[in-house]
Amino acid sequence: MSGEQLQDTARETARALPGVSHGRPFTEQLDVYKVAGKVFLIITDDPDDLAVTVKAEPEYGRLLRSQHTSITPGRYLDKQHWISLAAGPDITQDLVAELVDDSYHLVLETVPRKRRPG
């Protein structure tokens, strides 16, 4: 999977989830996706470093990092709760979609029920 495919899959998955907004609040090179105002996905638009960063349960994140050389501690955020994915032979569309969806739901759990999208 190429870096462009990785990012396209992450964007498509995020856009299909309810209540998602996105913008570039930090810098033009970071496409940030939020639910109820909370970040769950960051896409790095640097052509020399195409990556996505998602939230993950700490133990699952450690397991993924040990199994995939293209998964590293999260950039920009808490290294224990966030992971970054880059292109690699062991990174699949299904894995990217699963991790974006998981990140969305982990963040959504921290939002009060009345603020969650319907």
Protein backbone atom coordinates (compact mmCIF):
# COMPACT_ATOMS: atom_id res chain seq x y z
CA MET A 1 0.00 0.00 0.00
CA SER A 2 1.40 3.40 -0.98
CA GLY A 3 1.32 6.50 1.20
CA GLU A 4 -1.39 8.01 -0.99
CA GLN A 5 -3.54 4.87 -0.70
CA LEU A 6 -3.01 4.82 3.06
CA GLN A 7 -4.20 8.41 3.36
CA ASP A 8 -7.10 7.97 0.93
CA THR A 9 -8.34 4.97 2.91
CA ALA A 10 -8.07 6.89 6.20
CA ARG A 11 -9.94 9.89 4.75
CA GLU A 12 -12.71 7.77 3.20
CA THR A 13 -13.18 5.82 6.43
CA ALA A 14 -13.31 8.99 8.55
CA ARG A 15 -15.75 10.79 6.24
CA ALA A 16 -18.18 7.86 6.41
CA LEU A 17 -18.46 8.09 10.21
CA PRO A 18 -21.25 10.18 11.79
CA GLY A 19 -20.56 13.70 13.07
CA VAL A 20 -17.04 14.01 11.65
CA SER A 21 -15.53 17.40 10.85
CA HIS A 22 -12.09 18.19 9.53
CA GLY A 23 -9.81 21.12 8.91
CA ARG A 24 -6.26 22.34 9.30
CA PRO A 25 -6.18 24.09 12.69
CA PHE A 26 -2.47 23.57 13.38
CA THR A 27 -0.68 23.87 10.03
CA GLU A 28 -1.48 23.44 6.35
CA GLN A 29 0.38 20.11 6.32
CA LEU A 30 -1.86 18.45 8.95
CA ASP A 31 -5.40 17.44 7.96
CA VAL A 32 -7.17 16.95 11.30
CA TYR A 33 -10.40 14.92 11.73
CA LYS A 34 -12.58 15.38 14.81
CA VAL A 35 -15.78 14.07 16.35
CA ALA A 36 -17.61 16.33 18.82
CA GLY A 37 -14.59 18.66 18.70
CA LYS A 38 -12.07 15.96 19.67
CA VAL A 39 -9.25 14.78 17.40
CA PHE A 40 -9.28 11.12 16.30
CA LEU A 41 -7.21 11.24 13.09
CA ILE A 42 -4.34 13.36 11.78
CA ILE A 43 -3.14 13.00 8.20
CA THR A 44 0.30 14.40 7.40
CA ASP A 45 0.29 15.96 3.94
CA ASP A 46 4.07 16.27 3.63
CA PRO A 47 4.86 14.53 0.31
CA ASP A 48 8.11 13.23 1.79
CA ASP A 49 6.38 11.77 4.86
CA LEU A 50 2.87 10.49 4.06
CA ALA A 51 1.47 9.16 7.33
CA VAL A 52 -1.66 8.98 9.46
CA THR A 53 -1.91 9.16 13.25
CA VAL A 54 -4.76 7.54 15.22
CA LYS A 55 -5.65 6.85 18.84
CA ALA A 56 -5.21 3.25 20.05
CA GLU A 57 -5.56 1.39 23.33
CA PRO A 58 -2.01 1.40 24.80
CA GLU A 59 -1.58 -2.40 24.81
CA TYR A 60 -2.96 -2.76 21.29
CA GLY A 61 -0.71 0.06 20.10
CA ARG A 62 2.35 -1.69 21.56
CA LEU A 63 1.33 -4.96 19.92
CA LEU A 64 0.86 -3.27 16.53
CA ARG A 65 4.24 -1.53 16.80
CA SER A 66 5.92 -4.87 17.56
CA GLN A 67 4.24 -6.56 14.58
CA HIS A 68 4.51 -3.81 11.94
CA THR A 69 7.66 -1.85 11.15
CA SER A 70 5.50 0.84 9.50
CA ILE A 71 3.65 1.58 12.78
CA THR A 72 5.44 3.85 15.25
CA PRO A 73 4.56 5.83 18.38
CA GLY A 74 2.16 8.64 17.52
CA ARG A 75 3.47 11.90 16.19
CA TYR A 76 2.31 15.18 17.67
CA LEU A 77 0.40 13.49 20.52
CA ASP A 78 0.82 11.26 23.59
CA LYS A 79 3.08 8.38 22.52
CA GLN A 80 1.27 5.92 24.79
CA HIS A 81 -2.22 6.46 23.34
CA TRP A 82 -1.48 7.34 19.70
CA ILE A 83 0.20 5.50 16.83
CA SER A 84 1.35 6.63 13.40
CA LEU A 85 1.13 4.50 10.27
CA ALA A 86 3.29 4.89 7.19
CA ALA A 87 3.21 2.99 3.91
CA GLY A 88 4.57 -0.51 4.08
CA PRO A 89 4.08 -4.02 2.76
CA ASP A 90 2.26 -5.10 5.92
CA ILE A 91 -0.17 -2.14 5.99
CA THR A 92 -3.50 -3.01 4.32
CA GLN A 93 -6.66 -1.08 3.56
CA ASP A 94 -8.55 -3.23 6.06
CA LEU A 95 -6.03 -2.48 8.82
CA VAL A 96 -6.12 1.28 8.12
CA ALA A 97 -9.94 1.32 8.08
CA GLU A 98 -10.09 -0.70 11.30
CA LEU A 99 -7.63 1.59 13.10
CA VAL A 100 -9.42 4.79 12.00
CA ASP A 101 -12.77 3.33 13.11
CA ASP A 102 -11.29 2.18 16.44
CA SER A 103 -9.76 5.62 17.02
CA TYR A 104 -13.10 7.33 16.33
CA HIS A 105 -14.89 5.09 18.84
CA LEU A 106 -12.16 5.49 21.51
CA VAL A 107 -12.48 9.28 21.26
CA LEU A 108 -16.29 9.13 21.12
CA GLU A 109 -16.32 7.24 24.43
CA THR A 110 -14.85 10.36 26.09
CA VAL A 111 -17.66 12.59 24.82
CA PRO A 112 -20.77 13.06 27.00
CA ARG A 113 -23.71 11.10 25.55
CA LYS A 114 -25.76 14.20 24.84
CA ARG A 115 -22.95 15.59 22.63
CA ARG A 116 -22.44 12.39 20.63
CA PRO A 117 -23.63 12.34 17.01
CA GLY A 118 -26.90 10.49 16.40
